[in-house]
Amino acid sequence: MDAFNANYRPGADKLRVVDKHGNIVLDEHGADGGSYNRPEIDRGPL
């Protein structure tokens, strides 16, 4: 876990749901930081 915490990408789990025209209908990039804990790491570093 120490190695993971040193290599994961904070904020990379933030999601934008958009329609086919690129209009945002749900945005997790707000100030609340989102309610989901899905820490992301690239396959190479893992």
PDB file of all heavy atoms in Angstrom:
ATOM      1  N   MET A   1       0.808  -1.220   0.000  1.00  0.00           N
ATOM      2  CA  MET A   1       0.000   0.000   0.000  1.00  0.00           C
ATOM      3  C   MET A   1       0.842   1.270   0.000  1.00  0.00           C
ATOM      4  O   MET A   1       0.447   2.281  -0.594  1.00  0.00           O
ATOM      5  CB  MET A   1      -0.962  -0.001   1.180  1.00  0.00           C
ATOM      6  CG  MET A   1      -2.184  -0.878   0.961  1.00  0.00           C
ATOM      7  SD  MET A   1      -3.135  -0.466  -0.537  1.00  0.00           S
ATOM      8  CE  MET A   1      -3.650   1.205  -0.164  1.00  0.00           C
ATOM      9  N   ASP A   2       1.997   1.247   0.647  1.00  0.00           N
ATOM     10  CA  ASP A   2       2.856   2.433   0.614  1.00  0.00           C
ATOM     11  C   ASP A   2       3.301   2.733  -0.814  1.00  0.00           C
ATOM     12  O   ASP A   2       3.297   3.884  -1.259  1.00  0.00           O
ATOM     13  CB  ASP A   2       4.077   2.249   1.519  1.00  0.00           C
ATOM     14  CG  ASP A   2       3.728   2.342   2.997  1.00  0.00           C
ATOM     15  OD1 ASP A   2       2.618   2.812   3.316  1.00  0.00           O
ATOM     16  OD2 ASP A   2       4.565   1.938   3.826  1.00  0.00           O
ATOM     17  N   ALA A   3       3.679   1.689  -1.534  1.00  0.00           N
ATOM     18  CA  ALA A   3       4.094   1.861  -2.925  1.00  0.00           C
ATOM     19  C   ALA A   3       2.913   2.330  -3.776  1.00  0.00           C
ATOM     20  O   ALA A   3       3.067   3.188  -4.663  1.00  0.00           O
ATOM     21  CB  ALA A   3       4.655   0.563  -3.483  1.00  0.00           C
ATOM     22  N   PHE A   4       1.730   1.784  -3.514  1.00  0.00           N
ATOM     23  CA  PHE A   4       0.547   2.219  -4.249  1.00  0.00           C
ATOM     24  C   PHE A   4       0.257   3.689  -3.992  1.00  0.00           C
ATOM     25  O   PHE A   4       0.020   4.466  -4.927  1.00  0.00           O
ATOM     26  CB  PHE A   4      -0.671   1.372  -3.857  1.00  0.00           C
ATOM     27  CG  PHE A   4      -1.951   1.868  -4.467  1.00  0.00           C
ATOM     28  CD1 PHE A   4      -2.280   1.552  -5.775  1.00  0.00           C
ATOM     29  CD2 PHE A   4      -2.825   2.673  -3.733  1.00  0.00           C
ATOM     30  CE1 PHE A   4      -3.460   2.020  -6.346  1.00  0.00           C
ATOM     31  CE2 PHE A   4      -4.003   3.145  -4.298  1.00  0.00           C
ATOM     32  CZ  PHE A   4      -4.316   2.814  -5.605  1.00  0.00           C
ATOM     33  N   ASN A   5       0.293   4.091  -2.733  1.00  0.00           N
ATOM     34  CA  ASN A   5      -0.003   5.486  -2.387  1.00  0.00           C
ATOM     35  C   ASN A   5       0.996   6.459  -2.992  1.00  0.00           C
ATOM     36  O   ASN A   5       0.677   7.621  -3.229  1.00  0.00           O
ATOM     37  CB  ASN A   5      -0.040   5.652  -0.868  1.00  0.00           C
ATOM     38  CG  ASN A   5      -1.263   4.998  -0.238  1.00  0.00           C
ATOM     39  OD1 ASN A   5      -2.321   4.931  -0.863  1.00  0.00           O
ATOM     40  ND2 ASN A   5      -1.118   4.504   0.981  1.00  0.00           N
ATOM     41  N   ALA A   6       2.199   5.974  -3.271  1.00  0.00           N
ATOM     42  CA  ALA A   6       3.215   6.836  -3.882  1.00  0.00           C
ATOM     43  C   ALA A   6       3.067   6.910  -5.397  1.00  0.00           C
ATOM     44  O   ALA A   6       3.699   7.762  -6.037  1.00  0.00           O
ATOM     45  CB  ALA A   6       4.615   6.309  -3.532  1.00  0.00           C
ATOM     46  N   ASN A   7       2.213   6.056  -5.976  1.00  0.00           N
ATOM     47  CA  ASN A   7       2.137   5.984  -7.434  1.00  0.00           C
ATOM     48  C   ASN A   7       0.741   6.187  -8.022  1.00  0.00           C
ATOM     49  O   ASN A   7       0.620   6.351  -9.241  1.00  0.00           O
ATOM     50  CB  ASN A   7       2.660   4.622  -7.908  1.00  0.00           C
ATOM     51  CG  ASN A   7       4.163   4.517  -7.847  1.00  0.00           C
ATOM     52  OD1 ASN A   7       4.873   4.896  -8.774  1.00  0.00           O
ATOM     53  ND2 ASN A   7       4.667   3.990  -6.740  1.00  0.00           N
ATOM     54  N   TYR A   8      -0.293   6.198  -7.183  1.00  0.00           N
ATOM     55  CA  TYR A   8      -1.626   6.356  -7.770  1.00  0.00           C
ATOM     56  C   TYR A   8      -1.849   7.810  -8.163  1.00  0.00           C
ATOM     57  O   TYR A   8      -1.073   8.703  -7.800  1.00  0.00           O
ATOM     58  CB  TYR A   8      -2.703   5.843  -6.817  1.00  0.00           C
ATOM     59  CG  TYR A   8      -3.208   6.833  -5.789  1.00  0.00           C
ATOM     60  CD1 TYR A   8      -4.439   7.472  -5.965  1.00  0.00           C
ATOM     61  CD2 TYR A   8      -2.480   7.123  -4.635  1.00  0.00           C
ATOM     62  CE1 TYR A   8      -4.911   8.377  -5.020  1.00  0.00           C
ATOM     63  CE2 TYR A   8      -2.949   8.015  -3.696  1.00  0.00           C
ATOM     64  CZ  TYR A   8      -4.168   8.641  -3.892  1.00  0.00           C
ATOM     65  OH  TYR A   8      -4.631   9.542  -2.955  1.00  0.00           O
ATOM     66  N   ARG A   9      -2.895   8.065  -8.929  1.00  0.00           N
ATOM     67  CA  ARG A   9      -3.136   9.390  -9.494  1.00  0.00           C
ATOM     68  C   ARG A   9      -4.347  10.036  -8.839  1.00  0.00           C
ATOM     69  O   ARG A   9      -5.491   9.773  -9.237  1.00  0.00           O
ATOM     70  CB  ARG A   9      -3.335   9.288 -11.008  1.00  0.00           C
ATOM     71  CG  ARG A   9      -2.102   8.797 -11.764  1.00  0.00           C
ATOM     72  CD  ARG A   9      -2.418   8.548 -13.223  1.00  0.00           C
ATOM     73  NE  ARG A   9      -3.081   9.701 -13.818  1.00  0.00           N
ATOM     74  CZ  ARG A   9      -4.070   9.633 -14.692  1.00  0.00           C
ATOM     75  NH1 ARG A   9      -4.543   8.463 -15.082  1.00  0.00           N
ATOM     76  NH2 ARG A   9      -4.621  10.720 -15.176  1.00  0.00           N
ATOM     77  N   PRO A  10      -4.144  10.885  -7.820  1.00  0.00           N
ATOM     78  CA  PRO A  10      -5.274  11.550  -7.166  1.00  0.00           C
ATOM     79  C   PRO A  10      -6.097  12.346  -8.181  1.00  0.00           C
ATOM     80  O   PRO A  10      -5.554  13.087  -8.999  1.00  0.00           O
ATOM     81  CB  PRO A  10      -4.597  12.476  -6.154  1.00  0.00           C
ATOM     82  CG  PRO A  10      -3.269  11.851  -5.895  1.00  0.00           C
ATOM     83  CD  PRO A  10      -2.848  11.244  -7.207  1.00  0.00           C
ATOM     84  N   GLY A  11      -7.392  12.175  -8.123  1.00  0.00           N
ATOM     85  CA  GLY A  11      -8.278  12.900  -9.028  1.00  0.00           C
ATOM     86  C   GLY A  11      -8.568  12.205 -10.331  1.00  0.00           C
ATOM     87  O   GLY A  11      -9.494  12.589 -11.053  1.00  0.00           O
ATOM     88  N   ALA A  12      -7.795  11.168 -10.657  1.00  0.00           N
ATOM     89  CA  ALA A  12      -8.002  10.476 -11.927  1.00  0.00           C
ATOM     90  C   ALA A  12      -9.293   9.671 -11.944  1.00  0.00           C
ATOM     91  O   ALA A  12      -9.751   9.245 -13.005  1.00  0.00           O
ATOM     92  CB  ALA A  12      -6.820   9.554 -12.231  1.00  0.00           C
ATOM     93  N   ASP A  13      -9.887   9.465 -10.763  1.00  0.00           N
ATOM     94  CA  ASP A  13     -11.163   8.752 -10.706  1.00  0.00           C
ATOM     95  C   ASP A  13     -12.355   9.669 -10.947  1.00  0.00           C
ATOM     96  O   ASP A  13     -13.500   9.204 -11.028  1.00  0.00           O
ATOM     97  CB  ASP A  13     -11.316   8.061  -9.347  1.00  0.00           C
ATOM     98  CG  ASP A  13     -11.226   9.029  -8.183  1.00  0.00           C
ATOM     99  OD1 ASP A  13     -10.567  10.079  -8.330  1.00  0.00           O
ATOM    100  OD2 ASP A  13     -11.802   8.739  -7.119  1.00  0.00           O
ATOM    101  N   LYS A  14     -12.104  10.977 -11.071  1.00  0.00           N
ATOM    102  CA  LYS A  14     -13.198  11.920 -11.276  1.00  0.00           C
ATOM    103  C   LYS A  14     -13.815  11.716 -12.656  1.00  0.00           C
ATOM    104  O   LYS A  14     -13.110  11.628 -13.663  1.00  0.00           O
ATOM    105  CB  LYS A  14     -12.696  13.353 -11.119  1.00  0.00           C
ATOM    106  CG  LYS A  14     -12.147  13.676  -9.730  1.00  0.00           C
ATOM    107  CD  LYS A  14     -13.225  13.556  -8.672  1.00  0.00           C
ATOM    108  CE  LYS A  14     -12.691  13.855  -7.276  1.00  0.00           C
ATOM    109  NZ  LYS A  14     -12.220  15.229  -7.136  1.00  0.00           N
ATOM    110  N   LEU A  15     -15.125  11.675 -12.671  1.00  0.00           N
ATOM    111  CA  LEU A  15     -15.860  11.301 -13.877  1.00  0.00           C
ATOM    112  C   LEU A  15     -16.732  12.441 -14.377  1.00  0.00           C
ATOM    113  O   LEU A  15     -17.320  13.173 -13.593  1.00  0.00           O
ATOM    114  CB  LEU A  15     -16.744  10.089 -13.556  1.00  0.00           C
ATOM    115  CG  LEU A  15     -17.715   9.599 -14.616  1.00  0.00           C
ATOM    116  CD1 LEU A  15     -16.947   9.007 -15.791  1.00  0.00           C
ATOM    117  CD2 LEU A  15     -18.671   8.583 -14.017  1.00  0.00           C
ATOM    118  N   ARG A  16     -16.779  12.572 -15.697  1.00  0.00           N
ATOM    119  CA  ARG A  16     -17.768  13.439 -16.322  1.00  0.00           C
ATOM    120  C   ARG A  16     -18.642  12.583 -17.225  1.00  0.00           C
ATOM    121  O   ARG A  16     -18.133  11.899 -18.117  1.00  0.00           O
ATOM    122  CB  ARG A  16     -17.104  14.552 -17.132  1.00  0.00           C
ATOM    123  CG  ARG A  16     -16.675  15.731 -16.256  1.00  0.00           C
ATOM    124  CD  ARG A  16     -15.976  16.805 -17.032  1.00  0.00           C
ATOM    125  NE  ARG A  16     -15.832  18.008 -16.207  1.00  0.00           N
ATOM    126  CZ  ARG A  16     -14.953  18.981 -16.433  1.00  0.00           C
ATOM    127  NH1 ARG A  16     -14.133  18.894 -17.478  1.00  0.00           N
ATOM    128  NH2 ARG A  16     -14.895  20.025 -15.640  1.00  0.00           N
ATOM    129  N   VAL A  17     -19.937  12.594 -16.985  1.00  0.00           N
ATOM    130  CA  VAL A  17     -20.897  11.941 -17.854  1.00  0.00           C
ATOM    131  C   VAL A  17     -21.457  12.988 -18.798  1.00  0.00           C
ATOM    132  O   VAL A  17     -21.914  14.047 -18.355  1.00  0.00           O
ATOM    133  CB  VAL A  17     -22.036  11.288 -17.041  1.00  0.00           C
ATOM    134  CG1 VAL A  17     -23.064  10.651 -17.976  1.00  0.00           C
ATOM    135  CG2 VAL A  17     -21.481  10.257 -16.070  1.00  0.00           C
ATOM    136  N   VAL A  18     -21.382  12.703 -20.092  1.00  0.00           N
ATOM    137  CA  VAL A  18     -21.801  13.690 -21.093  1.00  0.00           C
ATOM    138  C   VAL A  18     -22.723  13.025 -22.110  1.00  0.00           C
ATOM    139  O   VAL A  18     -22.745  11.804 -22.248  1.00  0.00           O
ATOM    140  CB  VAL A  18     -20.587  14.320 -21.819  1.00  0.00           C
ATOM    141  CG1 VAL A  18     -19.587  14.890 -20.819  1.00  0.00           C
ATOM    142  CG2 VAL A  18     -19.890  13.306 -22.717  1.00  0.00           C
ATOM    143  N   ASP A  19     -23.473  13.875 -22.818  1.00  0.00           N
ATOM    144  CA  ASP A  19     -24.291  13.339 -23.892  1.00  0.00           C
ATOM    145  C   ASP A  19     -23.461  13.249 -25.169  1.00  0.00           C
ATOM    146  O   ASP A  19     -22.267  13.568 -25.178  1.00  0.00           O
ATOM    147  CB  ASP A  19     -25.555  14.180 -24.091  1.00  0.00           C
ATOM    148  CG  ASP A  19     -25.280  15.611 -24.545  1.00  0.00           C
ATOM    149  OD1 ASP A  19     -24.168  15.897 -25.061  1.00  0.00           O
ATOM    150  OD2 ASP A  19     -26.183  16.456 -24.409  1.00  0.00           O
ATOM    151  N   LYS A  20     -24.081  12.824 -26.250  1.00  0.00           N
ATOM    152  CA  LYS A  20     -23.340  12.585 -27.486  1.00  0.00           C
ATOM    153  C   LYS A  20     -22.785  13.855 -28.115  1.00  0.00           C
ATOM    154  O   LYS A  20     -21.915  13.806 -28.982  1.00  0.00           O
ATOM    155  CB  LYS A  20     -24.223  11.852 -28.500  1.00  0.00           C
ATOM    156  CG  LYS A  20     -25.465  12.615 -28.937  1.00  0.00           C
ATOM    157  CD  LYS A  20     -26.343  11.748 -29.817  1.00  0.00           C
ATOM    158  CE  LYS A  20     -27.591  12.489 -30.271  1.00  0.00           C
ATOM    159  NZ  LYS A  20     -28.466  11.624 -31.106  1.00  0.00           N
ATOM    160  N   HIS A  21     -23.261  15.009 -27.627  1.00  0.00           N
ATOM    161  CA  HIS A  21     -22.761  16.292 -28.131  1.00  0.00           C
ATOM    162  C   HIS A  21     -21.677  16.887 -27.233  1.00  0.00           C
ATOM    163  O   HIS A  21     -21.195  17.992 -27.495  1.00  0.00           O
ATOM    164  CB  HIS A  21     -23.915  17.282 -28.268  1.00  0.00           C
ATOM    165  CG  HIS A  21     -25.021  16.791 -29.148  1.00  0.00           C
ATOM    166  ND1 HIS A  21     -24.833  16.503 -30.481  1.00  0.00           N
ATOM    167  CD2 HIS A  21     -26.322  16.516 -28.871  1.00  0.00           C
ATOM    168  CE1 HIS A  21     -25.979  16.080 -31.000  1.00  0.00           C
ATOM    169  NE2 HIS A  21     -26.889  16.069 -30.044  1.00  0.00           N
ATOM    170  N   GLY A  22     -21.321  16.156 -26.179  1.00  0.00           N
ATOM    171  CA  GLY A  22     -20.281  16.640 -25.275  1.00  0.00           C
ATOM    172  C   GLY A  22     -20.791  17.540 -24.174  1.00  0.00           C
ATOM    173  O   GLY A  22     -19.997  18.121 -23.428  1.00  0.00           O
ATOM    174  N   ASN A  23     -22.091  17.641 -24.016  1.00  0.00           N
ATOM    175  CA  ASN A  23     -22.667  18.452 -22.941  1.00  0.00           C
ATOM    176  C   ASN A  23     -22.613  17.678 -21.625  1.00  0.00           C
ATOM    177  O   ASN A  23     -23.047  16.519 -21.552  1.00  0.00           O
ATOM    178  CB  ASN A  23     -24.124  18.809 -23.261  1.00  0.00           C
ATOM    179  CG  ASN A  23     -24.251  19.606 -24.536  1.00  0.00           C
ATOM    180  OD1 ASN A  23     -23.556  20.596 -24.739  1.00  0.00           O
ATOM    181  ND2 ASN A  23     -25.147  19.172 -25.421  1.00  0.00           N
ATOM    182  N   ILE A  24     -22.085  18.301 -20.593  1.00  0.00           N
ATOM    183  CA  ILE A  24     -21.915  17.639 -19.298  1.00  0.00           C
ATOM    184  C   ILE A  24     -23.256  17.535 -18.582  1.00  0.00           C
ATOM    185  O   ILE A  24     -23.952  18.533 -18.392  1.00  0.00           O
ATOM    186  CB  ILE A  24     -20.903  18.406 -18.424  1.00  0.00           C
ATOM    187  CG1 ILE A  24     -19.530  18.450 -19.107  1.00  0.00           C
ATOM    188  CG2 ILE A  24     -20.793  17.758 -17.050  1.00  0.00           C
ATOM    189  CD1 ILE A  24     -18.513  19.343 -18.401  1.00  0.00           C
ATOM    190  N   VAL A  25     -23.602  16.307 -18.188  1.00  0.00           N
ATOM    191  CA  VAL A  25     -24.836  16.104 -17.435  1.00  0.00           C
ATOM    192  C   VAL A  25     -24.556  15.649 -15.996  1.00  0.00           C
ATOM    193  O   VAL A  25     -25.448  15.699 -15.153  1.00  0.00           O
ATOM    194  CB  VAL A  25     -25.759  15.090 -18.140  1.00  0.00           C
ATOM    195  CG1 VAL A  25     -26.208  15.627 -19.483  1.00  0.00           C
ATOM    196  CG2 VAL A  25     -25.086  13.735 -18.306  1.00  0.00           C
ATOM    197  N   LEU A  26     -23.352  15.212 -15.721  1.00  0.00           N
ATOM    198  CA  LEU A  26     -22.930  14.887 -14.359  1.00  0.00           C
ATOM    199  C   LEU A  26     -21.433  15.138 -14.268  1.00  0.00           C
ATOM    200  O   LEU A  26     -20.674  14.695 -15.131  1.00  0.00           O
ATOM    201  CB  LEU A  26     -23.254  13.435 -14.022  1.00  0.00           C
ATOM    202  CG  LEU A  26     -22.951  12.958 -12.594  1.00  0.00           C
ATOM    203  CD1 LEU A  26     -23.976  11.911 -12.154  1.00  0.00           C
ATOM    204  CD2 LEU A  26     -21.544  12.376 -12.457  1.00  0.00           C
ATOM    205  N   ASP A  27     -21.020  15.846 -13.223  1.00  0.00           N
ATOM    206  CA  ASP A  27     -19.613  16.251 -13.105  1.00  0.00           C
ATOM    207  C   ASP A  27     -19.111  16.002 -11.693  1.00  0.00           C
ATOM    208  O   ASP A  27     -19.628  16.577 -10.731  1.00  0.00           O
ATOM    209  CB  ASP A  27     -19.481  17.738 -13.454  1.00  0.00           C
ATOM    210  CG  ASP A  27     -18.036  18.171 -13.666  1.00  0.00           C
ATOM    211  OD1 ASP A  27     -17.128  17.367 -13.368  1.00  0.00           O
ATOM    212  OD2 ASP A  27     -17.819  19.293 -14.140  1.00  0.00           O
ATOM    213  N   GLU A  28     -18.124  15.123 -11.574  1.00  0.00           N
ATOM    214  CA  GLU A  28     -17.533  14.830 -10.260  1.00  0.00           C
ATOM    215  C   GLU A  28     -16.335  15.723  -9.941  1.00  0.00           C
ATOM    216  O   GLU A  28     -15.678  15.526  -8.926  1.00  0.00           O
ATOM    217  CB  GLU A  28     -17.086  13.364 -10.192  1.00  0.00           C
ATOM    218  CG  GLU A  28     -18.234  12.381 -10.112  1.00  0.00           C
ATOM    219  CD  GLU A  28     -17.753  10.987  -9.802  1.00  0.00           C
ATOM    220  OE1 GLU A  28     -16.583  10.669 -10.065  1.00  0.00           O
ATOM    221  OE2 GLU A  28     -18.558  10.204  -9.278  1.00  0.00           O
ATOM    222  N   HIS A  29     -16.067  16.702 -10.792  1.00  0.00           N
ATOM    223  CA  HIS A  29     -14.903  17.564 -10.573  1.00  0.00           C
ATOM    224  C   HIS A  29     -15.228  18.751  -9.682  1.00  0.00           C
ATOM    225  O   HIS A  29     -14.463  19.698  -9.622  1.00  0.00           O
ATOM    226  CB  HIS A  29     -14.357  18.055 -11.918  1.00  0.00           C
ATOM    227  CG  HIS A  29     -13.703  16.985 -12.729  1.00  0.00           C
ATOM    228  ND1 HIS A  29     -12.358  16.744 -12.708  1.00  0.00           N
ATOM    229  CD2 HIS A  29     -14.233  16.064 -13.576  1.00  0.00           C
ATOM    230  CE1 HIS A  29     -12.077  15.737 -13.519  1.00  0.00           C
ATOM    231  NE2 HIS A  29     -13.191  15.305 -14.060  1.00  0.00           N
ATOM    232  N   GLY A  30     -16.343  18.704  -8.995  1.00  0.00           N
ATOM    233  CA  GLY A  30     -16.742  19.801  -8.133  1.00  0.00           C
ATOM    234  C   GLY A  30     -15.924  19.882  -6.865  1.00  0.00           C
ATOM    235  O   GLY A  30     -15.099  19.027  -6.555  1.00  0.00           O
ATOM    236  N   ALA A  31     -16.211  20.899  -6.082  1.00  0.00           N
ATOM    237  CA  ALA A  31     -15.428  21.179  -4.875  1.00  0.00           C
ATOM    238  C   ALA A  31     -15.609  20.123  -3.791  1.00  0.00           C
ATOM    239  O   ALA A  31     -14.770  19.989  -2.911  1.00  0.00           O
ATOM    240  CB  ALA A  31     -15.815  22.549  -4.314  1.00  0.00           C
ATOM    241  N   ASP A  32     -16.727  19.347  -3.860  1.00  0.00           N
ATOM    242  CA  ASP A  32     -16.959  18.371  -2.797  1.00  0.00           C
ATOM    243  C   ASP A  32     -16.045  17.170  -2.891  1.00  0.00           C
ATOM    244  O   ASP A  32     -15.963  16.365  -1.974  1.00  0.00           O
ATOM    245  CB  ASP A  32     -18.414  17.909  -2.811  1.00  0.00           C
ATOM    246  CG  ASP A  32     -18.785  17.140  -4.083  1.00  0.00           C
ATOM    247  OD1 ASP A  32     -17.950  17.081  -5.003  1.00  0.00           O
ATOM    248  OD2 ASP A  32     -19.914  16.616  -4.139  1.00  0.00           O
ATOM    249  N   GLY A  33     -15.338  17.057  -4.002  1.00  0.00           N
ATOM    250  CA  GLY A  33     -14.376  15.965  -4.156  1.00  0.00           C
ATOM    251  C   GLY A  33     -14.992  14.635  -4.497  1.00  0.00           C
ATOM    252  O   GLY A  33     -14.305  13.648  -4.661  1.00  0.00           O
ATOM    253  N   GLY A  34     -16.318  14.597  -4.616  1.00  0.00           N
ATOM    254  CA  GLY A  34     -16.966  13.333  -4.986  1.00  0.00           C
ATOM    255  C   GLY A  34     -17.151  12.428  -3.792  1.00  0.00           C
ATOM    256  O   GLY A  34     -16.478  12.551  -2.767  1.00  0.00           O
ATOM    257  N   SER A  35     -18.071  11.500  -3.891  1.00  0.00           N
ATOM    258  CA  SER A  35     -18.396  10.631  -2.767  1.00  0.00           C
ATOM    259  C   SER A  35     -17.886   9.207  -2.952  1.00  0.00           C
ATOM    260  O   SER A  35     -18.183   8.344  -2.151  1.00  0.00           O
ATOM    261  CB  SER A  35     -19.923  10.596  -2.574  1.00  0.00           C
ATOM    262  OG  SER A  35     -20.554  10.141  -3.761  1.00  0.00           O
ATOM    263  N   TYR A  36     -17.137   8.975  -4.028  1.00  0.00           N
ATOM    264  CA  TYR A  36     -16.678   7.621  -4.328  1.00  0.00           C
ATOM    265  C   TYR A  36     -15.177   7.512  -4.109  1.00  0.00           C
ATOM    266  O   TYR A  36     -14.419   8.425  -4.436  1.00  0.00           O
ATOM    267  CB  TYR A  36     -17.020   7.238  -5.765  1.00  0.00           C
ATOM    268  CG  TYR A  36     -18.510   7.230  -6.032  1.00  0.00           C
ATOM    269  CD1 TYR A  36     -19.165   8.369  -6.466  1.00  0.00           C
ATOM    270  CD2 TYR A  36     -19.253   6.073  -5.825  1.00  0.00           C
ATOM    271  CE1 TYR A  36     -20.536   8.365  -6.688  1.00  0.00           C
ATOM    272  CE2 TYR A  36     -20.611   6.051  -6.049  1.00  0.00           C
ATOM    273  CZ  TYR A  36     -21.246   7.201  -6.474  1.00  0.00           C
ATOM    274  OH  TYR A  36     -22.597   7.200  -6.699  1.00  0.00           O
ATOM    275  N   ASN A  37     -14.763   6.390  -3.549  1.00  0.00           N
ATOM    276  CA  ASN A  37     -13.345   6.145  -3.361  1.00  0.00           C
ATOM    277  C   ASN A  37     -12.895   5.101  -4.371  1.00  0.00           C
ATOM    278  O   ASN A  37     -13.028   3.909  -4.150  1.00  0.00           O
ATOM    279  CB  ASN A  37     -13.067   5.659  -1.937  1.00  0.00           C
ATOM    280  CG  ASN A  37     -11.586   5.416  -1.705  1.00  0.00           C
ATOM    281  OD1 ASN A  37     -10.744   6.013  -2.371  1.00  0.00           O
ATOM    282  ND2 ASN A  37     -11.263   4.549  -0.777  1.00  0.00           N
ATOM    283  N   ARG A  38     -12.387   5.574  -5.514  1.00  0.00           N
ATOM    284  CA  ARG A  38     -11.950   4.677  -6.579  1.00  0.00           C
ATOM    285  C   ARG A  38     -10.547   5.103  -7.021  1.00  0.00           C
ATOM    286  O   ARG A  38     -10.372   5.591  -8.140  1.00  0.00           O
ATOM    287  CB  ARG A  38     -12.920   4.740  -7.766  1.00  0.00           C
ATOM    288  CG  ARG A  38     -14.373   4.493  -7.439  1.00  0.00           C
ATOM    289  CD  ARG A  38     -15.216   4.466  -8.719  1.00  0.00           C
ATOM    290  NE  ARG A  38     -15.103   5.716  -9.464  1.00  0.00           N
ATOM    291  CZ  ARG A  38     -15.959   6.726  -9.360  1.00  0.00           C
ATOM    292  NH1 ARG A  38     -16.980   6.645  -8.537  1.00  0.00           N
ATOM    293  NH2 ARG A  38     -15.802   7.817 -10.074  1.00  0.00           N
ATOM    294  N   PRO A  39      -9.548   4.963  -6.175  1.00  0.00           N
ATOM    295  CA  PRO A  39      -8.218   5.452  -6.539  1.00  0.00           C
ATOM    296  C   PRO A  39      -7.703   4.785  -7.806  1.00  0.00           C
ATOM    297  O   PRO A  39      -7.747   3.568  -7.945  1.00  0.00           O
ATOM    298  CB  PRO A  39      -7.357   5.092  -5.328  1.00  0.00           C
ATOM    299  CG  PRO A  39      -8.110   4.038  -4.601  1.00  0.00           C
ATOM    300  CD  PRO A  39      -9.558   4.306  -4.857  1.00  0.00           C
ATOM    301  N   GLU A  40      -7.218   5.607  -8.717  1.00  0.00           N
ATOM    302  CA  GLU A  40      -6.774   5.136 -10.035  1.00  0.00           C
ATOM    303  C   GLU A  40      -5.254   5.055 -10.093  1.00  0.00           C
ATOM    304  O   GLU A  40      -4.540   5.918  -9.561  1.00  0.00           O
ATOM    305  CB  GLU A  40      -7.256   6.103 -11.121  1.00  0.00           C
ATOM    306  CG  GLU A  40      -8.767   6.221 -11.232  1.00  0.00           C
ATOM    307  CD  GLU A  40      -9.326   5.374 -12.350  1.00  0.00           C
ATOM    308  OE1 GLU A  40      -8.535   4.856 -13.155  1.00  0.00           O
ATOM    309  OE2 GLU A  40     -10.560   5.253 -12.425  1.00  0.00           O
ATOM    310  N   ILE A  41      -4.790   4.025 -10.782  1.00  0.00           N
ATOM    311  CA  ILE A  41      -3.360   3.888 -11.040  1.00  0.00           C
ATOM    312  C   ILE A  41      -3.196   3.366 -12.455  1.00  0.00           C
ATOM    313  O   ILE A  41      -3.984   2.530 -12.915  1.00  0.00           O
ATOM    314  CB  ILE A  41      -2.689   2.948 -10.012  1.00  0.00           C
ATOM    315  CG1 ILE A  41      -1.164   2.951 -10.187  1.00  0.00           C
ATOM    316  CG2 ILE A  41      -3.253   1.538 -10.081  1.00  0.00           C
ATOM    317  CD1 ILE A  41      -0.421   2.265  -9.044  1.00  0.00           C
ATOM    318  N   ASP A  42      -2.211   3.878 -13.166  1.00  0.00           N
ATOM    319  CA  ASP A  42      -1.959   3.384 -14.515  1.00  0.00           C
ATOM    320  C   ASP A  42      -1.423   1.956 -14.438  1.00  0.00           C
ATOM    321  O   ASP A  42      -0.780   1.556 -13.465  1.00  0.00           O
ATOM    322  CB  ASP A  42      -0.936   4.277 -15.232  1.00  0.00           C
ATOM    323  CG  ASP A  42      -1.519   5.618 -15.646  1.00  0.00           C
ATOM    324  OD1 ASP A  42      -2.759   5.773 -15.553  1.00  0.00           O
ATOM    325  OD2 ASP A  42      -0.756   6.506 -16.055  1.00  0.00           O
ATOM    326  N   ARG A  43      -1.680   1.198 -15.494  1.00  0.00           N
ATOM    327  CA  ARG A  43      -1.274  -0.199 -15.504  1.00  0.00           C
ATOM    328  C   ARG A  43       0.240  -0.366 -15.392  1.00  0.00           C
ATOM    329  O   ARG A  43       0.726  -1.295 -14.745  1.00  0.00           O
ATOM    330  CB  ARG A  43      -1.784  -0.872 -16.783  1.00  0.00           C
ATOM    331  CG  ARG A  43      -3.295  -0.982 -16.844  1.00  0.00           C
ATOM    332  CD  ARG A  43      -3.792  -1.427 -18.203  1.00  0.00           C
ATOM    333  NE  ARG A  43      -5.242  -1.409 -18.277  1.00  0.00           N
ATOM    334  CZ  ARG A  43      -6.029  -2.456 -18.042  1.00  0.00           C
ATOM    335  NH1 ARG A  43      -5.473  -3.621 -17.732  1.00  0.00           N
ATOM    336  NH2 ARG A  43      -7.341  -2.357 -18.123  1.00  0.00           N
ATOM    337  N   GLY A  44       0.981   0.520 -16.049  1.00  0.00           N
ATOM    338  CA  GLY A  44       2.439   0.426 -16.017  1.00  0.00           C
ATOM    339  C   GLY A  44       3.006   0.544 -14.616  1.00  0.00           C
ATOM    340  O   GLY A  44       3.773  -0.322 -14.155  1.00  0.00           O
ATOM    341  N   PRO A  45       2.662   1.620 -13.881  1.00  0.00           N
ATOM    342  CA  PRO A  45       3.154   1.744 -12.504  1.00  0.00           C
ATOM    343  C   PRO A  45       2.701   0.610 -11.588  1.00  0.00           C
ATOM    344  O   PRO A  45       3.469   0.169 -10.732  1.00  0.00           O
ATOM    345  CB  PRO A  45       2.562   3.088 -12.054  1.00  0.00           C
ATOM    346  CG  PRO A  45       2.452   3.883 -13.316  1.00  0.00           C
ATOM    347  CD  PRO A  45       2.068   2.880 -14.366  1.00  0.00           C
ATOM    348  N   LEU A  46       1.466   0.122 -11.765  1.00  0.00           N
ATOM    349  CA  LEU A  46       1.019  -0.994 -10.931  1.00  0.00           C
ATOM    350  C   LEU A  46       1.866  -2.229 -11.211  1.00  0.00           C
ATOM    351  O   LEU A  46       2.287  -2.936 -10.288  1.00  0.00           O
ATOM    352  CB  LEU A  46      -0.458  -1.298 -11.193  1.00  0.00           C
ATOM    353  CG  LEU A  46      -1.025  -2.498 -10.425  1.00  0.00           C
ATOM    354  CD1 LEU A  46      -0.915  -2.295  -8.922  1.00  0.00           C
ATOM    355  CD2 LEU A  46      -2.477  -2.773 -10.820  1.00  0.00           C
TER     356      LEU A  46
END
